[in-house]
């Protein structure tokens, strides 16, 4: 069964994705930075309103995946809040300066997650050796790895993703993400053999402001919002169900 995970940038986007048939939500803030941890209020409301699986991202900032001691403490506190809120899982990844999986810190976060599931996010795509990184992540007990195959998008990285699926051999789910859309999903399924796919499925909506004087930026910045597109999610789910 092919499953579609939607990376939602708000509770509104998450609810749209749920209505359109998504299997799971990765809840994020700041998608332009690659996703950071949403506020506790956002997580709490999402958990109360969603009946599908909810996995907030645990990422204190954009940029690299090498964290200071202070940032690591923030990540631990955020995981604790997600656990108390009743989230199904969390999404995180930490690397060493050398580009390997930071097994010690990841193991500590995994322990704090308790019974929650865990996805290793696209920090994987910045690893020095993806094959070794995959074995480390499997050893740590993660459920899945989100990856674009170390490329700009999953279409370009499809060949490596297919290799990772074979290497995993059912021990962990390999979830292609980045650039997954209805127009390429069928080919990705056939090429990679993966069973889960990750996408923002985002579109844009106009601000409902009546007064729209552009003063501090562009019209696009001030009055156009990114939001999950229901039609895109429905199209992805329909393709997934065909398999």
C-alpha atoms as a PDB file:
ATOM      1  CA  UNK A   1       0.000   0.000   0.000  1.00  0.00           C
ATOM      2  CA  UNK A   2       1.498   3.327  -1.112  1.00  0.00           C
ATOM      3  CA  UNK A   3       1.150   6.062   1.516  1.00  0.00           C
ATOM      4  CA  UNK A   4       1.313   9.833   1.143  1.00  0.00           C
ATOM      5  CA  UNK A   5       2.806  12.007   3.886  1.00  0.00           C
ATOM      6  CA  UNK A   6       2.145  15.729   3.652  1.00  0.00           C
ATOM      7  CA  UNK A   7       4.569  18.265   5.047  1.00  0.00           C
ATOM      8  CA  UNK A   8       2.128  20.853   6.396  1.00  0.00           C
ATOM      9  CA  UNK A   9       3.162  24.380   7.331  1.00  0.00           C
ATOM     10  CA  UNK A  10       0.118  25.084   9.517  1.00  0.00           C
ATOM     11  CA  UNK A  11      -2.838  23.465  11.230  1.00  0.00           C
ATOM     12  CA  UNK A  12      -4.994  24.672   8.323  1.00  0.00           C
ATOM     13  CA  UNK A  13      -2.726  22.922   5.818  1.00  0.00           C
ATOM     14  CA  UNK A  14      -2.756  19.764   7.942  1.00  0.00           C
ATOM     15  CA  UNK A  15      -6.549  19.710   8.030  1.00  0.00           C
ATOM     16  CA  UNK A  16      -6.713  20.185   4.249  1.00  0.00           C
ATOM     17  CA  UNK A  17      -4.308  17.274   3.784  1.00  0.00           C
ATOM     18  CA  UNK A  18      -6.331  15.079   6.132  1.00  0.00           C
ATOM     19  CA  UNK A  19      -9.557  15.825   4.266  1.00  0.00           C
ATOM     20  CA  UNK A  20      -7.854  15.004   0.968  1.00  0.00           C
ATOM     21  CA  UNK A  21      -6.775  11.561   2.156  1.00  0.00           C
ATOM     22  CA  UNK A  22      -3.195  11.961   3.408  1.00  0.00           C
ATOM     23  CA  UNK A  23      -1.910   9.156   5.607  1.00  0.00           C
ATOM     24  CA  UNK A  24       0.371  11.193   7.860  1.00  0.00           C
ATOM     25  CA  UNK A  25       1.342  14.804   8.582  1.00  0.00           C
ATOM     26  CA  UNK A  26       4.852  16.091   9.114  1.00  0.00           C
ATOM     27  CA  UNK A  27       4.139  19.387  10.864  1.00  0.00           C
ATOM     28  CA  UNK A  28       6.644  22.170  10.203  1.00  0.00           C
ATOM     29  CA  UNK A  29       7.162  25.892  10.393  1.00  0.00           C
ATOM     30  CA  UNK A  30       9.387  27.917   8.048  1.00  0.00           C
ATOM     31  CA  UNK A  31       9.312  25.699   4.971  1.00  0.00           C
ATOM     32  CA  UNK A  32      11.591  28.137   3.156  1.00  0.00           C
ATOM     33  CA  UNK A  33      14.300  27.171   5.674  1.00  0.00           C
ATOM     34  CA  UNK A  34      13.640  23.490   5.082  1.00  0.00           C
ATOM     35  CA  UNK A  35      11.258  23.229   8.043  1.00  0.00           C
ATOM     36  CA  UNK A  36      11.677  24.057  11.719  1.00  0.00           C
ATOM     37  CA  UNK A  37       9.795  23.065  14.864  1.00  0.00           C
ATOM     38  CA  UNK A  38       6.319  24.620  15.040  1.00  0.00           C
ATOM     39  CA  UNK A  39       5.105  26.295  18.216  1.00  0.00           C
ATOM     40  CA  UNK A  40       3.569  24.264  21.014  1.00  0.00           C
ATOM     41  CA  UNK A  41       0.213  25.922  20.295  1.00  0.00           C
ATOM     42  CA  UNK A  42       0.324  24.731  16.688  1.00  0.00           C
ATOM     43  CA  UNK A  43       1.259  21.191  17.749  1.00  0.00           C
ATOM     44  CA  UNK A  44      -1.446  21.105  20.433  1.00  0.00           C
ATOM     45  CA  UNK A  45      -4.188  22.302  18.075  1.00  0.00           C
ATOM     46  CA  UNK A  46      -3.066  19.919  15.346  1.00  0.00           C
ATOM     47  CA  UNK A  47      -3.170  16.978  17.745  1.00  0.00           C
ATOM     48  CA  UNK A  48      -6.666  17.911  18.928  1.00  0.00           C
ATOM     49  CA  UNK A  49      -8.065  18.323  15.407  1.00  0.00           C
ATOM     50  CA  UNK A  50      -6.339  15.567  13.440  1.00  0.00           C
ATOM     51  CA  UNK A  51      -7.247  11.894  13.512  1.00  0.00           C
ATOM     52  CA  UNK A  52      -4.407  10.851  11.174  1.00  0.00           C
ATOM     53  CA  UNK A  53      -0.805  10.388  12.294  1.00  0.00           C
ATOM     54  CA  UNK A  54       1.047  13.527  13.392  1.00  0.00           C
ATOM     55  CA  UNK A  55       4.852  13.867  13.358  1.00  0.00           C
ATOM     56  CA  UNK A  56       6.213  17.351  14.183  1.00  0.00           C
ATOM     57  CA  UNK A  57       9.708  18.138  12.996  1.00  0.00           C
ATOM     58  CA  UNK A  58      12.304  18.683  15.722  1.00  0.00           C
ATOM     59  CA  UNK A  59      14.674  21.221  14.197  1.00  0.00           C
ATOM     60  CA  UNK A  60      15.542  24.422  16.084  1.00  0.00           C
ATOM     61  CA  UNK A  61      16.773  26.335  13.018  1.00  0.00           C
ATOM     62  CA  UNK A  62      17.512  26.113   9.337  1.00  0.00           C
ATOM     63  CA  UNK A  63      20.978  25.532   7.926  1.00  0.00           C
ATOM     64  CA  UNK A  64      23.156  22.560   8.774  1.00  0.00           C
ATOM     65  CA  UNK A  65      22.435  19.645  11.123  1.00  0.00           C
ATOM     66  CA  UNK A  66      25.341  20.148  13.518  1.00  0.00           C
ATOM     67  CA  UNK A  67      23.877  21.507  16.743  1.00  0.00           C
ATOM     68  CA  UNK A  68      25.294  23.291  19.764  1.00  0.00           C
ATOM     69  CA  UNK A  69      24.689  22.007  23.277  1.00  0.00           C
ATOM     70  CA  UNK A  70      22.022  24.692  23.736  1.00  0.00           C
ATOM     71  CA  UNK A  71      20.244  23.713  20.525  1.00  0.00           C
ATOM     72  CA  UNK A  72      20.350  20.070  21.565  1.00  0.00           C
ATOM     73  CA  UNK A  73      18.669  20.944  24.878  1.00  0.00           C
ATOM     74  CA  UNK A  74      15.943  22.752  22.934  1.00  0.00           C
ATOM     75  CA  UNK A  75      15.409  19.666  20.772  1.00  0.00           C
ATOM     76  CA  UNK A  76      15.091  17.479  23.863  1.00  0.00           C
ATOM     77  CA  UNK A  77      12.525  19.834  25.385  1.00  0.00           C
ATOM     78  CA  UNK A  78      10.520  19.924  22.142  1.00  0.00           C
ATOM     79  CA  UNK A  79      10.425  16.117  21.963  1.00  0.00           C
ATOM     80  CA  UNK A  80       9.157  15.995  25.538  1.00  0.00           C
ATOM     81  CA  UNK A  81       6.364  18.437  24.654  1.00  0.00           C
ATOM     82  CA  UNK A  82       5.408  16.366  21.599  1.00  0.00           C
ATOM     83  CA  UNK A  83       5.243  13.244  23.742  1.00  0.00           C
ATOM     84  CA  UNK A  84       3.049  14.955  26.326  1.00  0.00           C
ATOM     85  CA  UNK A  85       0.783  16.308  23.576  1.00  0.00           C
ATOM     86  CA  UNK A  86       0.149  12.777  22.302  1.00  0.00           C
ATOM     87  CA  UNK A  87       1.922  13.038  18.952  1.00  0.00           C
ATOM     88  CA  UNK A  88       2.403   9.783  17.054  1.00  0.00           C
ATOM     89  CA  UNK A  89       6.024  10.499  16.282  1.00  0.00           C
ATOM     90  CA  UNK A  90       8.749  13.063  15.684  1.00  0.00           C
ATOM     91  CA  UNK A  91      11.104  13.876  12.827  1.00  0.00           C
ATOM     92  CA  UNK A  92      14.768  14.721  13.459  1.00  0.00           C
ATOM     93  CA  UNK A  93      18.349  14.129  12.423  1.00  0.00           C
ATOM     94  CA  UNK A  94      21.749  15.151  13.769  1.00  0.00           C
ATOM     95  CA  UNK A  95      25.131  14.884  12.050  1.00  0.00           C
ATOM     96  CA  UNK A  96      28.724  14.974  13.262  1.00  0.00           C
ATOM     97  CA  UNK A  97      31.169  17.578  11.884  1.00  0.00           C
ATOM     98  CA  UNK A  98      32.550  14.818   9.623  1.00  0.00           C
ATOM     99  CA  UNK A  99      29.176  14.242   7.953  1.00  0.00           C
ATOM    100  CA  UNK A 100      28.201  11.027   9.711  1.00  0.00           C
ATOM    101  CA  UNK A 101      25.067  10.295  11.734  1.00  0.00           C
ATOM    102  CA  UNK A 102      25.571  11.489  15.306  1.00  0.00           C
ATOM    103  CA  UNK A 103      24.603   8.181  16.880  1.00  0.00           C
ATOM    104  CA  UNK A 104      25.027   9.296  20.494  1.00  0.00           C
ATOM    105  CA  UNK A 105      22.772  12.332  20.253  1.00  0.00           C
ATOM    106  CA  UNK A 106      20.225  10.630  17.995  1.00  0.00           C
ATOM    107  CA  UNK A 107      20.043   7.724  20.431  1.00  0.00           C
ATOM    108  CA  UNK A 108      19.325  10.128  23.294  1.00  0.00           C
ATOM    109  CA  UNK A 109      16.510  11.831  21.365  1.00  0.00           C
ATOM    110  CA  UNK A 110      15.142   8.451  20.350  1.00  0.00           C
ATOM    111  CA  UNK A 111      15.092   7.405  24.012  1.00  0.00           C
ATOM    112  CA  UNK A 112      13.269  10.593  24.997  1.00  0.00           C
ATOM    113  CA  UNK A 113      10.678   9.953  22.285  1.00  0.00           C
ATOM    114  CA  UNK A 114       9.582   6.847  24.182  1.00  0.00           C
ATOM    115  CA  UNK A 115       6.778   5.070  22.361  1.00  0.00           C
ATOM    116  CA  UNK A 116       6.583   7.708  19.643  1.00  0.00           C
ATOM    117  CA  UNK A 117       7.785   6.794  16.174  1.00  0.00           C
ATOM    118  CA  UNK A 118      10.793   8.504  14.617  1.00  0.00           C
ATOM    119  CA  UNK A 119      11.664   9.615  11.091  1.00  0.00           C
ATOM    120  CA  UNK A 120      15.238  10.584  10.170  1.00  0.00           C
ATOM    121  CA  UNK A 121      14.804  13.608   7.926  1.00  0.00           C
ATOM    122  CA  UNK A 122      16.823  14.991   5.023  1.00  0.00           C
ATOM    123  CA  UNK A 123      19.899  15.484   7.160  1.00  0.00           C
ATOM    124  CA  UNK A 124      20.486  12.112   5.511  1.00  0.00           C
ATOM    125  CA  UNK A 125      21.067  13.900   2.194  1.00  0.00           C
ATOM    126  CA  UNK A 126      24.073  15.702   3.679  1.00  0.00           C
ATOM    127  CA  UNK A 127      25.748  12.549   4.949  1.00  0.00           C
ATOM    128  CA  UNK A 128      29.238  11.649   3.766  1.00  0.00           C
ATOM    129  CA  UNK A 129      28.405   7.997   3.098  1.00  0.00           C
ATOM    130  CA  UNK A 130      24.678   7.273   2.549  1.00  0.00           C
ATOM    131  CA  UNK A 131      25.058   3.502   2.730  1.00  0.00           C
ATOM    132  CA  UNK A 132      26.790   3.621   6.111  1.00  0.00           C
ATOM    133  CA  UNK A 133      24.388   6.309   7.312  1.00  0.00           C
ATOM    134  CA  UNK A 134      21.446   4.063   6.471  1.00  0.00           C
ATOM    135  CA  UNK A 135      22.910   1.222   8.534  1.00  0.00           C
ATOM    136  CA  UNK A 136      23.471   3.593  11.465  1.00  0.00           C
ATOM    137  CA  UNK A 137      19.883   4.854  11.275  1.00  0.00           C
ATOM    138  CA  UNK A 138      18.540   1.303  11.155  1.00  0.00           C
ATOM    139  CA  UNK A 139      20.652   0.408  14.203  1.00  0.00           C
ATOM    140  CA  UNK A 140      19.189   3.410  16.062  1.00  0.00           C
ATOM    141  CA  UNK A 141      15.663   2.120  15.508  1.00  0.00           C
ATOM    142  CA  UNK A 142      14.173   4.784  13.264  1.00  0.00           C
ATOM    143  CA  UNK A 143      11.023   3.844  11.321  1.00  0.00           C
ATOM    144  CA  UNK A 144      11.951   5.609   8.114  1.00  0.00           C
ATOM    145  CA  UNK A 145      14.405   7.846   6.282  1.00  0.00           C
ATOM    146  CA  UNK A 146      13.275  10.861   4.286  1.00  0.00           C
ATOM    147  CA  UNK A 147      15.585  11.407   1.314  1.00  0.00           C
ATOM    148  CA  UNK A 148      15.860  12.951  -2.116  1.00  0.00           C
ATOM    149  CA  UNK A 149      18.651  10.537  -2.956  1.00  0.00           C
ATOM    150  CA  UNK A 150      21.286  13.207  -2.162  1.00  0.00           C
ATOM    151  CA  UNK A 151      20.039  15.287  -5.081  1.00  0.00           C
ATOM    152  CA  UNK A 152      18.045  18.483  -5.478  1.00  0.00           C
ATOM    153  CA  UNK A 153      14.850  16.469  -5.807  1.00  0.00           C
ATOM    154  CA  UNK A 154      13.689  12.857  -5.634  1.00  0.00           C
ATOM    155  CA  UNK A 155      13.375  12.510  -9.403  1.00  0.00           C
ATOM    156  CA  UNK A 156      17.081  13.261  -9.857  1.00  0.00           C
ATOM    157  CA  UNK A 157      17.940  11.001  -6.924  1.00  0.00           C
ATOM    158  CA  UNK A 158      15.646   8.130  -7.913  1.00  0.00           C
ATOM    159  CA  UNK A 159      18.469   5.756  -8.795  1.00  0.00           C
ATOM    160  CA  UNK A 160      20.138   6.043  -5.378  1.00  0.00           C
ATOM    161  CA  UNK A 161      16.742   5.867  -3.668  1.00  0.00           C
ATOM    162  CA  UNK A 162      16.104   2.562  -5.447  1.00  0.00           C
ATOM    163  CA  UNK A 163      19.486   1.301  -4.207  1.00  0.00           C
ATOM    164  CA  UNK A 164      18.631   2.369  -0.663  1.00  0.00           C
ATOM    165  CA  UNK A 165      15.292   0.545  -0.820  1.00  0.00           C
ATOM    166  CA  UNK A 166      17.176  -2.621  -1.805  1.00  0.00           C
ATOM    167  CA  UNK A 167      19.782  -2.109   0.914  1.00  0.00           C
ATOM    168  CA  UNK A 168      17.070  -1.547   3.541  1.00  0.00           C
ATOM    169  CA  UNK A 169      15.414  -4.835   2.549  1.00  0.00           C
ATOM    170  CA  UNK A 170      12.346  -4.160   4.672  1.00  0.00           C
ATOM    171  CA  UNK A 171      14.297  -3.189   7.804  1.00  0.00           C
ATOM    172  CA  UNK A 172      13.275   0.468   7.477  1.00  0.00           C
ATOM    173  CA  UNK A 173      11.083   2.506   5.146  1.00  0.00           C
ATOM    174  CA  UNK A 174      12.829   4.685   2.569  1.00  0.00           C
ATOM    175  CA  UNK A 175      10.578   7.694   1.878  1.00  0.00           C
ATOM    176  CA  UNK A 176      11.356   9.813  -1.200  1.00  0.00           C
ATOM    177  CA  UNK A 177      10.744  13.520  -0.769  1.00  0.00           C
ATOM    178  CA  UNK A 178      11.496  16.855  -2.504  1.00  0.00           C
ATOM    179  CA  UNK A 179       9.706  17.666  -5.713  1.00  0.00           C
ATOM    180  CA  UNK A 180       7.178  14.825  -5.469  1.00  0.00           C
ATOM    181  CA  UNK A 181       4.108  15.844  -7.468  1.00  0.00           C
ATOM    182  CA  UNK A 182       1.226  14.078  -9.248  1.00  0.00           C
ATOM    183  CA  UNK A 183       3.032  14.326 -12.578  1.00  0.00           C
ATOM    184  CA  UNK A 184       6.023  12.270 -11.373  1.00  0.00           C
ATOM    185  CA  UNK A 185       4.669  10.077  -8.580  1.00  0.00           C
ATOM    186  CA  UNK A 186       3.827   7.084 -10.763  1.00  0.00           C
ATOM    187  CA  UNK A 187       7.304   7.033 -12.263  1.00  0.00           C
ATOM    188  CA  UNK A 188       8.908   7.377  -8.825  1.00  0.00           C
ATOM    189  CA  UNK A 189       6.907   4.420  -7.537  1.00  0.00           C
ATOM    190  CA  UNK A 190       7.972   2.283 -10.487  1.00  0.00           C
ATOM    191  CA  UNK A 191      11.613   3.386 -10.340  1.00  0.00           C
ATOM    192  CA  UNK A 192      12.316   3.339  -6.609  1.00  0.00           C
ATOM    193  CA  UNK A 193       9.990   0.673  -5.225  1.00  0.00           C
ATOM    194  CA  UNK A 194       9.374   2.865  -2.159  1.00  0.00           C
ATOM    195  CA  UNK A 195       6.069   2.549  -0.309  1.00  0.00           C
ATOM    196  CA  UNK A 196       5.862   6.039   1.270  1.00  0.00           C
ATOM    197  CA  UNK A 197       6.188   9.470  -0.364  1.00  0.00           C
ATOM    198  CA  UNK A 198       6.621  12.921   1.173  1.00  0.00           C
ATOM    199  CA  UNK A 199       5.535  16.244  -0.298  1.00  0.00           C
ATOM    200  CA  UNK A 200       4.300  19.691   0.686  1.00  0.00           C
ATOM    201  CA  UNK A 201       1.704  19.526  -2.123  1.00  0.00           C
ATOM    202  CA  UNK A 202       1.594  23.252  -1.654  1.00  0.00           C
ATOM    203  CA  UNK A 203      -0.135  25.965  -3.603  1.00  0.00           C
ATOM    204  CA  UNK A 204      -0.745  29.640  -2.916  1.00  0.00           C
ATOM    205  CA  UNK A 205      -3.732  31.559  -1.615  1.00  0.00           C
ATOM    206  CA  UNK A 206      -4.399  35.279  -1.647  1.00  0.00           C
ATOM    207  CA  UNK A 207      -4.570  37.157   1.630  1.00  0.00           C
ATOM    208  CA  UNK A 208      -8.096  38.179   2.625  1.00  0.00           C
ATOM    209  CA  UNK A 209      -6.876  41.643   3.567  1.00  0.00           C
ATOM    210  CA  UNK A 210      -8.924  44.385   1.905  1.00  0.00           C
ATOM    211  CA  UNK A 211      -6.255  47.027   2.460  1.00  0.00           C
ATOM    212  CA  UNK A 212      -3.224  45.885   0.491  1.00  0.00           C
ATOM    213  CA  UNK A 213      -0.678  48.674   0.395  1.00  0.00           C
ATOM    214  CA  UNK A 214       2.744  47.154  -0.322  1.00  0.00           C
ATOM    215  CA  UNK A 215       5.167  48.974   1.972  1.00  0.00           C
ATOM    216  CA  UNK A 216       7.769  46.670   3.507  1.00  0.00           C
ATOM    217  CA  UNK A 217       8.303  44.062   0.791  1.00  0.00           C
ATOM    218  CA  UNK A 218       6.807  42.660  -2.389  1.00  0.00           C
ATOM    219  CA  UNK A 219       3.149  41.822  -2.914  1.00  0.00           C
ATOM    220  CA  UNK A 220       4.166  38.146  -3.027  1.00  0.00           C
ATOM    221  CA  UNK A 221       5.849  38.410   0.371  1.00  0.00           C
ATOM    222  CA  UNK A 222       3.083  40.340   2.090  1.00  0.00           C
ATOM    223  CA  UNK A 223      -0.183  39.097   0.591  1.00  0.00           C
ATOM    224  CA  UNK A 224       0.346  35.619  -0.882  1.00  0.00           C
ATOM    225  CA  UNK A 225       0.332  32.652   1.502  1.00  0.00           C
ATOM    226  CA  UNK A 226       1.603  29.115   0.945  1.00  0.00           C
ATOM    227  CA  UNK A 227      -0.856  26.395   1.890  1.00  0.00           C
ATOM    228  CA  UNK A 228      -1.471  22.730   1.166  1.00  0.00           C
ATOM    229  CA  UNK A 229      -3.459  22.352  -2.063  1.00  0.00           C
ATOM    230  CA  UNK A 230      -6.330  19.912  -1.577  1.00  0.00           C
ATOM    231  CA  UNK A 231      -6.543  19.041  -5.281  1.00  0.00           C
ATOM    232  CA  UNK A 232      -2.846  18.141  -5.399  1.00  0.00           C
ATOM    233  CA  UNK A 233      -3.137  15.878  -2.357  1.00  0.00           C
ATOM    234  CA  UNK A 234      -6.240  14.198  -3.819  1.00  0.00           C
ATOM    235  CA  UNK A 235      -4.372  13.573  -7.085  1.00  0.00           C
ATOM    236  CA  UNK A 236      -1.400  12.052  -5.232  1.00  0.00           C
ATOM    237  CA  UNK A 237      -3.651   9.832  -3.115  1.00  0.00           C
ATOM    238  CA  UNK A 238      -5.523   8.656  -6.206  1.00  0.00           C
ATOM    239  CA  UNK A 239      -2.272   7.625  -7.894  1.00  0.00           C
ATOM    240  CA  UNK A 240      -1.090   5.900  -4.711  1.00  0.00           C
ATOM    241  CA  UNK A 241      -4.336   3.927  -4.449  1.00  0.00           C
ATOM    242  CA  UNK A 242      -3.914   2.688  -8.022  1.00  0.00           C
ATOM    243  CA  UNK A 243      -0.926   0.666  -6.816  1.00  0.00           C
END
